[in-house]
C-alpha atoms as a PDB file:
ATOM      1  CA  UNK A   1      -0.001   0.009   0.004  1.00  0.00           C
ATOM      2  CA  UNK A   2       1.592   3.268  -1.112  1.00  0.00           C
ATOM      3  CA  UNK A   3       0.795   6.484   0.814  1.00  0.00           C
ATOM      4  CA  UNK A   4      -0.408   9.467  -1.153  1.00  0.00           C
ATOM      5  CA  UNK A   5       1.925  11.764   0.795  1.00  0.00           C
ATOM      6  CA  UNK A   6       5.336  11.235   2.450  1.00  0.00           C
ATOM      7  CA  UNK A   7       5.100   9.426   5.810  1.00  0.00           C
ATOM      8  CA  UNK A   8       6.291  11.387   8.827  1.00  0.00           C
ATOM      9  CA  UNK A   9       5.327   9.044  11.636  1.00  0.00           C
ATOM     10  CA  UNK A  10       6.377   9.855  15.171  1.00  0.00           C
ATOM     11  CA  UNK A  11       8.339   6.628  15.336  1.00  0.00           C
ATOM     12  CA  UNK A  12      10.455   7.589  12.319  1.00  0.00           C
ATOM     13  CA  UNK A  13      10.997  11.042  13.774  1.00  0.00           C
ATOM     14  CA  UNK A  14      12.175   9.493  17.026  1.00  0.00           C
ATOM     15  CA  UNK A  15      14.630   7.245  15.211  1.00  0.00           C
ATOM     16  CA  UNK A  16      16.033  10.010  12.995  1.00  0.00           C
ATOM     17  CA  UNK A  17      16.398  12.436  15.882  1.00  0.00           C
ATOM     18  CA  UNK A  18      17.546  10.386  18.906  1.00  0.00           C
ATOM     19  CA  UNK A  19      18.836  13.468  20.672  1.00  0.00           C
ATOM     20  CA  UNK A  20      15.321  14.769  21.145  1.00  0.00           C
ATOM     21  CA  UNK A  21      13.531  13.909  24.348  1.00  0.00           C
ATOM     22  CA  UNK A  22      10.798  11.343  23.650  1.00  0.00           C
ATOM     23  CA  UNK A  23       7.194  12.220  24.326  1.00  0.00           C
ATOM     24  CA  UNK A  24       6.433   9.415  26.790  1.00  0.00           C
ATOM     25  CA  UNK A  25       2.904  10.694  27.344  1.00  0.00           C
ATOM     26  CA  UNK A  26       0.758   8.320  29.386  1.00  0.00           C
ATOM     27  CA  UNK A  27      -1.914   6.679  27.274  1.00  0.00           C
ATOM     28  CA  UNK A  28      -4.593   4.538  28.957  1.00  0.00           C
ATOM     29  CA  UNK A  29      -6.067   1.699  26.915  1.00  0.00           C
ATOM     30  CA  UNK A  30      -8.991  -0.569  27.725  1.00  0.00           C
ATOM     31  CA  UNK A  31      -8.860  -3.779  25.729  1.00  0.00           C
ATOM     32  CA  UNK A  32      -8.819  -7.555  25.909  1.00  0.00           C
ATOM     33  CA  UNK A  33      -5.683  -9.638  26.161  1.00  0.00           C
ATOM     34  CA  UNK A  34      -4.841 -11.348  22.871  1.00  0.00           C
ATOM     35  CA  UNK A  35      -2.490 -14.365  23.157  1.00  0.00           C
ATOM     36  CA  UNK A  36      -1.815 -14.395  19.413  1.00  0.00           C
ATOM     37  CA  UNK A  37      -0.432 -10.850  19.358  1.00  0.00           C
ATOM     38  CA  UNK A  38      -2.709  -9.934  16.465  1.00  0.00           C
ATOM     39  CA  UNK A  39      -4.704  -7.242  18.228  1.00  0.00           C
ATOM     40  CA  UNK A  40      -6.039  -6.382  21.660  1.00  0.00           C
ATOM     41  CA  UNK A  41      -3.731  -5.074  24.355  1.00  0.00           C
ATOM     42  CA  UNK A  42      -0.655  -6.534  22.622  1.00  0.00           C
ATOM     43  CA  UNK A  43      -1.324  -4.299  19.601  1.00  0.00           C
ATOM     44  CA  UNK A  44      -2.070  -1.299  21.809  1.00  0.00           C
ATOM     45  CA  UNK A  45       1.037  -1.600  23.957  1.00  0.00           C
ATOM     46  CA  UNK A  46       3.502  -2.162  21.110  1.00  0.00           C
ATOM     47  CA  UNK A  47       1.931   0.615  19.020  1.00  0.00           C
ATOM     48  CA  UNK A  48       1.871   3.210  21.769  1.00  0.00           C
ATOM     49  CA  UNK A  49       5.481   2.421  22.679  1.00  0.00           C
ATOM     50  CA  UNK A  50       6.482   2.538  19.017  1.00  0.00           C
ATOM     51  CA  UNK A  51       5.178   6.075  18.479  1.00  0.00           C
ATOM     52  CA  UNK A  52       6.695   7.372  21.695  1.00  0.00           C
ATOM     53  CA  UNK A  53       3.988   7.092  24.358  1.00  0.00           C
ATOM     54  CA  UNK A  54       3.818   5.208  27.664  1.00  0.00           C
ATOM     55  CA  UNK A  55       1.082   2.558  27.593  1.00  0.00           C
ATOM     56  CA  UNK A  56      -1.152   2.299  30.660  1.00  0.00           C
ATOM     57  CA  UNK A  57      -2.965  -0.952  29.855  1.00  0.00           C
ATOM     58  CA  UNK A  58      -6.188  -2.004  31.571  1.00  0.00           C
ATOM     59  CA  UNK A  59      -7.202  -5.638  30.939  1.00  0.00           C
ATOM     60  CA  UNK A  60     -10.937  -6.008  30.321  1.00  0.00           C
ATOM     61  CA  UNK A  61     -10.951  -9.680  29.399  1.00  0.00           C
ATOM     62  CA  UNK A  62      -9.177 -12.229  27.229  1.00  0.00           C
ATOM     63  CA  UNK A  63      -9.619 -13.660  23.738  1.00  0.00           C
ATOM     64  CA  UNK A  64      -9.318 -17.272  22.765  1.00  0.00           C
ATOM     65  CA  UNK A  65      -7.917 -16.734  19.290  1.00  0.00           C
ATOM     66  CA  UNK A  66      -5.137 -17.357  16.844  1.00  0.00           C
ATOM     67  CA  UNK A  67      -3.949 -15.387  13.817  1.00  0.00           C
ATOM     68  CA  UNK A  68      -6.881 -16.677  11.726  1.00  0.00           C
ATOM     69  CA  UNK A  69      -9.973 -16.105  13.841  1.00  0.00           C
ATOM     70  CA  UNK A  70     -11.490 -15.286  17.211  1.00  0.00           C
ATOM     71  CA  UNK A  71     -13.102 -18.316  18.888  1.00  0.00           C
ATOM     72  CA  UNK A  72     -14.283 -16.886  22.189  1.00  0.00           C
ATOM     73  CA  UNK A  73     -13.910 -14.085  24.688  1.00  0.00           C
ATOM     74  CA  UNK A  74     -13.924 -14.099  28.471  1.00  0.00           C
ATOM     75  CA  UNK A  75     -14.862 -10.834  30.125  1.00  0.00           C
ATOM     76  CA  UNK A  76     -13.519  -9.568  33.426  1.00  0.00           C
ATOM     77  CA  UNK A  77     -15.849  -8.258  36.100  1.00  0.00           C
ATOM     78  CA  UNK A  78     -16.523  -4.514  35.780  1.00  0.00           C
ATOM     79  CA  UNK A  79     -15.229  -3.883  39.335  1.00  0.00           C
ATOM     80  CA  UNK A  80     -11.887  -5.414  38.393  1.00  0.00           C
ATOM     81  CA  UNK A  81     -11.696  -3.188  35.349  1.00  0.00           C
ATOM     82  CA  UNK A  82     -12.616  -0.111  37.349  1.00  0.00           C
ATOM     83  CA  UNK A  83     -10.125  -0.801  40.137  1.00  0.00           C
ATOM     84  CA  UNK A  84      -7.276  -1.272  37.653  1.00  0.00           C
ATOM     85  CA  UNK A  85      -8.049   2.034  35.971  1.00  0.00           C
ATOM     86  CA  UNK A  86      -8.659   4.015  39.144  1.00  0.00           C
ATOM     87  CA  UNK A  87      -5.330   2.958  40.643  1.00  0.00           C
ATOM     88  CA  UNK A  88      -3.449   4.065  37.543  1.00  0.00           C
ATOM     89  CA  UNK A  89      -5.406   7.294  37.058  1.00  0.00           C
ATOM     90  CA  UNK A  90      -4.738   8.438  40.594  1.00  0.00           C
ATOM     91  CA  UNK A  91      -1.000   8.057  40.038  1.00  0.00           C
ATOM     92  CA  UNK A  92      -0.273   8.763  36.365  1.00  0.00           C
ATOM     93  CA  UNK A  93      -1.004  11.874  34.278  1.00  0.00           C
ATOM     94  CA  UNK A  94      -3.026  10.125  31.561  1.00  0.00           C
ATOM     95  CA  UNK A  95      -3.353  12.401  28.508  1.00  0.00           C
ATOM     96  CA  UNK A  96      -5.604  10.276  26.296  1.00  0.00           C
ATOM     97  CA  UNK A  97      -7.761   7.169  26.548  1.00  0.00           C
ATOM     98  CA  UNK A  98      -8.369   4.475  23.975  1.00  0.00           C
ATOM     99  CA  UNK A  99     -11.289   2.054  24.263  1.00  0.00           C
ATOM    100  CA  UNK A 100     -11.111  -1.173  22.269  1.00  0.00           C
ATOM    101  CA  UNK A 101     -13.279  -4.275  22.719  1.00  0.00           C
ATOM    102  CA  UNK A 102     -14.165  -4.452  26.411  1.00  0.00           C
ATOM    103  CA  UNK A 103     -16.454  -7.474  26.394  1.00  0.00           C
ATOM    104  CA  UNK A 104     -19.643  -6.494  28.225  1.00  0.00           C
ATOM    105  CA  UNK A 105     -22.181  -3.716  28.782  1.00  0.00           C
ATOM    106  CA  UNK A 106     -21.114  -3.617  32.433  1.00  0.00           C
ATOM    107  CA  UNK A 107     -17.549  -2.826  31.450  1.00  0.00           C
ATOM    108  CA  UNK A 108     -18.757  -0.189  29.003  1.00  0.00           C
ATOM    109  CA  UNK A 109     -20.689   1.448  31.814  1.00  0.00           C
ATOM    110  CA  UNK A 110     -17.680   1.402  34.118  1.00  0.00           C
ATOM    111  CA  UNK A 111     -15.391   2.939  31.483  1.00  0.00           C
ATOM    112  CA  UNK A 112     -17.982   5.592  30.623  1.00  0.00           C
ATOM    113  CA  UNK A 113     -18.152   6.557  34.291  1.00  0.00           C
ATOM    114  CA  UNK A 114     -14.383   6.776  34.529  1.00  0.00           C
ATOM    115  CA  UNK A 115     -14.012   8.905  31.414  1.00  0.00           C
ATOM    116  CA  UNK A 116     -16.774  11.228  32.625  1.00  0.00           C
ATOM    117  CA  UNK A 117     -14.621  12.005  35.694  1.00  0.00           C
ATOM    118  CA  UNK A 118     -11.816  13.187  33.371  1.00  0.00           C
ATOM    119  CA  UNK A 119     -13.624  15.473  30.895  1.00  0.00           C
ATOM    120  CA  UNK A 120     -10.389  17.091  29.692  1.00  0.00           C
ATOM    121  CA  UNK A 121      -8.882  13.798  28.504  1.00  0.00           C
ATOM    122  CA  UNK A 122      -9.774  12.880  24.875  1.00  0.00           C
ATOM    123  CA  UNK A 123     -11.300   9.432  24.313  1.00  0.00           C
ATOM    124  CA  UNK A 124     -10.704   7.454  21.116  1.00  0.00           C
ATOM    125  CA  UNK A 125     -13.199   4.600  20.754  1.00  0.00           C
ATOM    126  CA  UNK A 126     -12.520   1.805  18.273  1.00  0.00           C
ATOM    127  CA  UNK A 127     -15.379  -0.416  17.112  1.00  0.00           C
ATOM    128  CA  UNK A 128     -14.047  -3.683  15.631  1.00  0.00           C
ATOM    129  CA  UNK A 129     -15.942  -6.231  13.532  1.00  0.00           C
ATOM    130  CA  UNK A 130     -17.958  -8.335  15.993  1.00  0.00           C
ATOM    131  CA  UNK A 131     -19.351 -10.839  13.515  1.00  0.00           C
ATOM    132  CA  UNK A 132     -17.540 -13.696  15.311  1.00  0.00           C
ATOM    133  CA  UNK A 133     -19.746 -13.128  18.426  1.00  0.00           C
ATOM    134  CA  UNK A 134     -23.320 -14.211  19.186  1.00  0.00           C
ATOM    135  CA  UNK A 135     -25.980 -11.939  17.672  1.00  0.00           C
ATOM    136  CA  UNK A 136     -27.788 -11.224  20.939  1.00  0.00           C
ATOM    137  CA  UNK A 137     -24.550 -10.264  22.683  1.00  0.00           C
ATOM    138  CA  UNK A 138     -23.544  -8.036  19.764  1.00  0.00           C
ATOM    139  CA  UNK A 139     -26.832  -6.165  20.005  1.00  0.00           C
ATOM    140  CA  UNK A 140     -26.499  -5.662  23.752  1.00  0.00           C
ATOM    141  CA  UNK A 141     -22.914  -4.516  23.411  1.00  0.00           C
ATOM    142  CA  UNK A 142     -23.612  -2.023  20.611  1.00  0.00           C
ATOM    143  CA  UNK A 143     -26.659  -0.611  22.389  1.00  0.00           C
ATOM    144  CA  UNK A 144     -24.654  -0.013  25.573  1.00  0.00           C
ATOM    145  CA  UNK A 145     -21.713   1.427  23.650  1.00  0.00           C
ATOM    146  CA  UNK A 146     -23.943   3.843  21.755  1.00  0.00           C
ATOM    147  CA  UNK A 147     -25.880   4.963  24.811  1.00  0.00           C
ATOM    148  CA  UNK A 148     -23.090   5.169  27.408  1.00  0.00           C
ATOM    149  CA  UNK A 149     -19.705   5.537  25.728  1.00  0.00           C
ATOM    150  CA  UNK A 150     -20.267   7.414  22.502  1.00  0.00           C
ATOM    151  CA  UNK A 151     -21.361  10.540  24.416  1.00  0.00           C
ATOM    152  CA  UNK A 152     -17.895  10.426  26.067  1.00  0.00           C
ATOM    153  CA  UNK A 153     -16.042   9.749  22.803  1.00  0.00           C
ATOM    154  CA  UNK A 154     -13.913  12.379  21.068  1.00  0.00           C
ATOM    155  CA  UNK A 155     -13.021  10.327  17.977  1.00  0.00           C
ATOM    156  CA  UNK A 156     -14.839   7.189  16.829  1.00  0.00           C
ATOM    157  CA  UNK A 157     -12.689   4.864  14.688  1.00  0.00           C
ATOM    158  CA  UNK A 158     -13.983   2.000  12.600  1.00  0.00           C
ATOM    159  CA  UNK A 159     -14.182   0.357   9.218  1.00  0.00           C
ATOM    160  CA  UNK A 160     -16.701   1.782   6.748  1.00  0.00           C
ATOM    161  CA  UNK A 161     -18.853  -1.381   6.623  1.00  0.00           C
ATOM    162  CA  UNK A 162     -18.773  -1.901  10.409  1.00  0.00           C
ATOM    163  CA  UNK A 163     -19.752   1.667  11.241  1.00  0.00           C
ATOM    164  CA  UNK A 164     -22.326   1.800   8.447  1.00  0.00           C
ATOM    165  CA  UNK A 165     -24.131  -1.326   9.612  1.00  0.00           C
ATOM    166  CA  UNK A 166     -24.117  -0.119  13.213  1.00  0.00           C
ATOM    167  CA  UNK A 167     -24.956   3.569  12.879  1.00  0.00           C
ATOM    168  CA  UNK A 168     -27.073   3.527   9.702  1.00  0.00           C
ATOM    169  CA  UNK A 169     -29.007   0.234   9.902  1.00  0.00           C
ATOM    170  CA  UNK A 170     -32.036   1.659   8.090  1.00  0.00           C
ATOM    171  CA  UNK A 171     -30.181   3.336   5.254  1.00  0.00           C
ATOM    172  CA  UNK A 172     -32.409   2.998   2.187  1.00  0.00           C
ATOM    173  CA  UNK A 173     -31.018   5.493  -0.327  1.00  0.00           C
ATOM    174  CA  UNK A 174     -29.759   4.171  -3.645  1.00  0.00           C
ATOM    175  CA  UNK A 175     -26.401   5.839  -3.105  1.00  0.00           C
ATOM    176  CA  UNK A 176     -24.132   4.355  -0.456  1.00  0.00           C
ATOM    177  CA  UNK A 177     -23.595   6.487   2.652  1.00  0.00           C
ATOM    178  CA  UNK A 178     -20.535   8.704   2.734  1.00  0.00           C
ATOM    179  CA  UNK A 179     -18.121   9.152   5.588  1.00  0.00           C
ATOM    180  CA  UNK A 180     -19.924  12.347   6.440  1.00  0.00           C
ATOM    181  CA  UNK A 181     -23.241  10.496   6.610  1.00  0.00           C
ATOM    182  CA  UNK A 182     -21.676   8.147   9.124  1.00  0.00           C
ATOM    183  CA  UNK A 183     -20.217  11.097  11.034  1.00  0.00           C
ATOM    184  CA  UNK A 184     -23.651  12.704  11.198  1.00  0.00           C
ATOM    185  CA  UNK A 185     -25.124   9.526  12.652  1.00  0.00           C
ATOM    186  CA  UNK A 186     -22.279   9.337  15.181  1.00  0.00           C
ATOM    187  CA  UNK A 187     -22.792  12.984  16.096  1.00  0.00           C
ATOM    188  CA  UNK A 188     -26.422  12.243  16.961  1.00  0.00           C
ATOM    189  CA  UNK A 189     -25.007  10.047  19.727  1.00  0.00           C
ATOM    190  CA  UNK A 190     -22.558  12.716  20.884  1.00  0.00           C
ATOM    191  CA  UNK A 191     -19.413  12.018  18.847  1.00  0.00           C
ATOM    192  CA  UNK A 192     -17.797  15.175  17.365  1.00  0.00           C
ATOM    193  CA  UNK A 193     -15.320  13.387  15.022  1.00  0.00           C
ATOM    194  CA  UNK A 194     -15.367  10.041  13.174  1.00  0.00           C
ATOM    195  CA  UNK A 195     -12.478   8.344  11.356  1.00  0.00           C
ATOM    196  CA  UNK A 196     -13.963   6.009   8.755  1.00  0.00           C
ATOM    197  CA  UNK A 197     -11.447   3.555   7.263  1.00  0.00           C
ATOM    198  CA  UNK A 198     -11.441   1.146   4.356  1.00  0.00           C
ATOM    199  CA  UNK A 199     -13.674   3.014   1.936  1.00  0.00           C
ATOM    200  CA  UNK A 200     -13.343   1.206  -1.394  1.00  0.00           C
ATOM    201  CA  UNK A 201     -12.254   3.308  -4.352  1.00  0.00           C
ATOM    202  CA  UNK A 202     -11.649   2.374  -8.036  1.00  0.00           C
ATOM    203  CA  UNK A 203      -8.406   0.760  -9.145  1.00  0.00           C
ATOM    204  CA  UNK A 204      -7.707  -1.026  -5.844  1.00  0.00           C
ATOM    205  CA  UNK A 205      -7.390   2.088  -3.733  1.00  0.00           C
ATOM    206  CA  UNK A 206      -9.004   2.688  -0.365  1.00  0.00           C
ATOM    207  CA  UNK A 207      -9.797   5.960   1.345  1.00  0.00           C
ATOM    208  CA  UNK A 208      -9.740   6.841   5.022  1.00  0.00           C
ATOM    209  CA  UNK A 209     -11.729   9.906   6.005  1.00  0.00           C
ATOM    210  CA  UNK A 210     -11.797  11.974   9.177  1.00  0.00           C
ATOM    211  CA  UNK A 211     -15.105  13.841   9.251  1.00  0.00           C
ATOM    212  CA  UNK A 212     -17.326  15.910  11.468  1.00  0.00           C
ATOM    213  CA  UNK A 213     -21.076  16.311  10.903  1.00  0.00           C
ATOM    214  CA  UNK A 214     -20.402  19.438   8.851  1.00  0.00           C
ATOM    215  CA  UNK A 215     -17.168  18.768   6.925  1.00  0.00           C
ATOM    216  CA  UNK A 216     -14.437  16.389   5.905  1.00  0.00           C
ATOM    217  CA  UNK A 217     -11.343  17.369   7.879  1.00  0.00           C
ATOM    218  CA  UNK A 218      -8.853  15.192   6.022  1.00  0.00           C
ATOM    219  CA  UNK A 219      -8.581  12.074   3.911  1.00  0.00           C
ATOM    220  CA  UNK A 220      -5.744   9.706   3.057  1.00  0.00           C
ATOM    221  CA  UNK A 221      -5.848   7.468   0.021  1.00  0.00           C
ATOM    222  CA  UNK A 222      -3.723   4.321  -0.122  1.00  0.00           C
ATOM    223  CA  UNK A 223      -3.228   1.504  -2.575  1.00  0.00           C
ATOM    224  CA  UNK A 224      -4.638  -1.657  -1.027  1.00  0.00           C
ATOM    225  CA  UNK A 225      -2.536  -4.723  -0.303  1.00  0.00           C
ATOM    226  CA  UNK A 226      -3.459  -8.058  -1.817  1.00  0.00           C
ATOM    227  CA  UNK A 227      -3.412  -9.677   1.625  1.00  0.00           C
ATOM    228  CA  UNK A 228      -5.550 -10.169   4.732  1.00  0.00           C
ATOM    229  CA  UNK A 229      -4.300  -8.487   7.925  1.00  0.00           C
ATOM    230  CA  UNK A 230      -5.318  -8.949  11.535  1.00  0.00           C
ATOM    231  CA  UNK A 231      -5.026  -6.129  14.065  1.00  0.00           C
ATOM    232  CA  UNK A 232      -4.924  -3.134  11.742  1.00  0.00           C
ATOM    233  CA  UNK A 233      -7.818  -1.332  13.492  1.00  0.00           C
ATOM    234  CA  UNK A 234      -6.335  -1.658  16.973  1.00  0.00           C
ATOM    235  CA  UNK A 235      -2.997  -0.481  15.601  1.00  0.00           C
ATOM    236  CA  UNK A 236      -4.465   2.615  13.930  1.00  0.00           C
ATOM    237  CA  UNK A 237      -6.641   3.665  16.864  1.00  0.00           C
ATOM    238  CA  UNK A 238      -3.821   3.171  19.409  1.00  0.00           C
ATOM    239  CA  UNK A 239      -1.419   5.219  17.253  1.00  0.00           C
ATOM    240  CA  UNK A 240      -3.989   8.014  16.918  1.00  0.00           C
ATOM    241  CA  UNK A 241      -4.582   8.064  20.682  1.00  0.00           C
ATOM    242  CA  UNK A 242      -0.878   8.163  21.471  1.00  0.00           C
ATOM    243  CA  UNK A 243      -0.194  10.948  18.986  1.00  0.00           C
ATOM    244  CA  UNK A 244      -3.040  13.010  20.447  1.00  0.00           C
ATOM    245  CA  UNK A 245      -1.565  12.394  23.904  1.00  0.00           C
ATOM    246  CA  UNK A 246       1.788  13.656  22.598  1.00  0.00           C
ATOM    247  CA  UNK A 247       0.220  16.991  21.707  1.00  0.00           C
ATOM    248  CA  UNK A 248      -0.550  16.747  18.016  1.00  0.00           C
ATOM    249  CA  UNK A 249      -3.677  18.394  16.676  1.00  0.00           C
ATOM    250  CA  UNK A 250      -6.367  16.013  15.490  1.00  0.00           C
ATOM    251  CA  UNK A 251      -5.798  16.306  11.728  1.00  0.00           C
ATOM    252  CA  UNK A 252      -2.020  15.885  11.993  1.00  0.00           C
ATOM    253  CA  UNK A 253      -2.405  12.981  14.425  1.00  0.00           C
ATOM    254  CA  UNK A 254      -4.842  11.271  12.096  1.00  0.00           C
ATOM    255  CA  UNK A 255      -2.564  11.673   9.069  1.00  0.00           C
ATOM    256  CA  UNK A 256       0.495  10.466  11.007  1.00  0.00           C
ATOM    257  CA  UNK A 257      -1.382   7.484  12.413  1.00  0.00           C
ATOM    258  CA  UNK A 258      -2.555   6.395   8.949  1.00  0.00           C
ATOM    259  CA  UNK A 259       0.965   6.714   7.551  1.00  0.00           C
ATOM    260  CA  UNK A 260       2.323   4.713  10.483  1.00  0.00           C
ATOM    261  CA  UNK A 261      -0.255   1.953   9.869  1.00  0.00           C
ATOM    262  CA  UNK A 262       0.658   1.864   6.198  1.00  0.00           C
ATOM    263  CA  UNK A 263       4.307   1.260   7.062  1.00  0.00           C
ATOM    264  CA  UNK A 264       3.331  -1.387   9.595  1.00  0.00           C
ATOM    265  CA  UNK A 265       1.303  -3.226   6.973  1.00  0.00           C
ATOM    266  CA  UNK A 266       4.026  -2.841   4.346  1.00  0.00           C
ATOM    267  CA  UNK A 267       6.401  -4.596   6.766  1.00  0.00           C
ATOM    268  CA  UNK A 268       3.768  -7.113   7.872  1.00  0.00           C
ATOM    269  CA  UNK A 269       4.698 -10.702   8.666  1.00  0.00           C
ATOM    270  CA  UNK A 270       2.965 -14.062   9.165  1.00  0.00           C
ATOM    271  CA  UNK A 271       4.136 -15.596  12.463  1.00  0.00           C
ATOM    272  CA  UNK A 272       1.703 -18.512  12.337  1.00  0.00           C
ATOM    273  CA  UNK A 273      -0.556 -20.323   9.904  1.00  0.00           C
ATOM    274  CA  UNK A 274      -3.180 -17.550   9.745  1.00  0.00           C
ATOM    275  CA  UNK A 275      -3.222 -14.003   8.467  1.00  0.00           C
ATOM    276  CA  UNK A 276      -0.532 -11.343   8.263  1.00  0.00           C
ATOM    277  CA  UNK A 277       0.091  -9.121  11.287  1.00  0.00           C
ATOM    278  CA  UNK A 278       1.296  -5.500  11.175  1.00  0.00           C
ATOM    279  CA  UNK A 279       4.916  -5.062  12.190  1.00  0.00           C
ATOM    280  CA  UNK A 280       4.423  -2.281  14.718  1.00  0.00           C
ATOM    281  CA  UNK A 281       8.166  -2.025  15.373  1.00  0.00           C
ATOM    282  CA  UNK A 282       9.184  -1.961  11.686  1.00  0.00           C
ATOM    283  CA  UNK A 283      11.559   0.962  12.262  1.00  0.00           C
ATOM    284  CA  UNK A 284      13.616  -1.029  14.748  1.00  0.00           C
ATOM    285  CA  UNK A 285      14.821  -3.548  12.152  1.00  0.00           C
ATOM    286  CA  UNK A 286      18.223  -2.537  10.689  1.00  0.00           C
ATOM    287  CA  UNK A 287      18.060  -1.908   6.971  1.00  0.00           C
ATOM    288  CA  UNK A 288      20.964  -4.288   6.353  1.00  0.00           C
ATOM    289  CA  UNK A 289      19.691  -7.005   8.690  1.00  0.00           C
ATOM    290  CA  UNK A 290      20.444 -10.530   7.443  1.00  0.00           C
ATOM    291  CA  UNK A 291      17.215 -12.510   7.721  1.00  0.00           C
ATOM    292  CA  UNK A 292      18.614 -15.636   6.054  1.00  0.00           C
ATOM    293  CA  UNK A 293      18.978 -18.898   7.971  1.00  0.00           C
ATOM    294  CA  UNK A 294      22.455 -19.083   9.544  1.00  0.00           C
ATOM    295  CA  UNK A 295      24.754 -21.808   8.241  1.00  0.00           C
ATOM    296  CA  UNK A 296      26.655 -24.298  10.323  1.00  0.00           C
ATOM    297  CA  UNK A 297      26.065 -27.343  12.446  1.00  0.00           C
ATOM    298  CA  UNK A 298      22.527 -27.468  13.795  1.00  0.00           C
ATOM    299  CA  UNK A 299      23.992 -28.742  17.054  1.00  0.00           C
ATOM    300  CA  UNK A 300      26.046 -25.596  17.573  1.00  0.00           C
ATOM    301  CA  UNK A 301      25.189 -23.963  20.884  1.00  0.00           C
ATOM    302  CA  UNK A 302      24.937 -20.139  20.760  1.00  0.00           C
ATOM    303  CA  UNK A 303      26.708 -18.074  23.355  1.00  0.00           C
ATOM    304  CA  UNK A 304      26.793 -14.421  24.415  1.00  0.00           C
ATOM    305  CA  UNK A 305      29.854 -12.970  26.139  1.00  0.00           C
ATOM    306  CA  UNK A 306      31.012 -16.390  27.284  1.00  0.00           C
ATOM    307  CA  UNK A 307      27.603 -17.526  28.557  1.00  0.00           C
ATOM    308  CA  UNK A 308      26.667 -20.780  26.862  1.00  0.00           C
ATOM    309  CA  UNK A 309      22.983 -21.577  26.292  1.00  0.00           C
ATOM    310  CA  UNK A 310      22.453 -25.290  26.939  1.00  0.00           C
ATOM    311  CA  UNK A 311      20.352 -27.326  24.519  1.00  0.00           C
ATOM    312  CA  UNK A 312      16.707 -27.978  25.471  1.00  0.00           C
ATOM    313  CA  UNK A 313      17.295 -31.643  26.260  1.00  0.00           C
ATOM    314  CA  UNK A 314      18.262 -31.487  29.910  1.00  0.00           C
ATOM    315  CA  UNK A 315      17.181 -34.558  31.827  1.00  0.00           C
ATOM    316  CA  UNK A 316      15.346 -33.852  35.081  1.00  0.00           C
END
């Protein structure tokens, strides 16, 4: 995917100018633990650290998943979620909050209450595709999210089809809804800004549009990859939240976050048998790194500074 303008991600800036003091702004994220590393808190933590923030991660539950699909989710009790967040908020100067998939209406209510106590802290809410879940639970979750958390949300992030189905279920016009139509629907629930991603364009391009109910603030067009990725939405929303926490204005943060995601996808890798994952630390790999398989005897034991690593065949 080729960006339509030169990328200037915060991570690249940090690498090219190591003498500058990093931002290290505290960014609180509410999300589920993901053992595969595709999304969830793993994506949030690595992304926020990559763009220069300090992740303050609150576990809301856990996925049972691999790099191909989500099989189940186990939600934490809302009191456990609230106590984690309160302890951190009373100690750390959190500058922005990201809300991912939090598992239950009770957790949504708890997070909405917490964010209401910090009205000066921007909230970025990401709505993933929930088609893997049971229909009745999806409906309950979306209803609670729309009623309780969207009024607290500064920027809503989601894929065009996901947000369209959720916010415009009764759309009947012949013409498909635009990003501004979705932003208008989100604004009716209290959201001032909406970032709509994955809008299909001709010739294998996609558009990503940041809009308010009255105008399109910015858009970034990219050439689509011929591949299936897992974790792109969590990566984008976490990057946007961290860049806002670091003091960027909304339009610049949105543009930088999209460029960062594009570079993550361009460097994507397949660690398992499923889909490709974004490489959120792409900038840390040396340009001349040798990724070929080392030659030599397979029985050779590696060592570092005289410390020999024993083979994994020790008898107990």
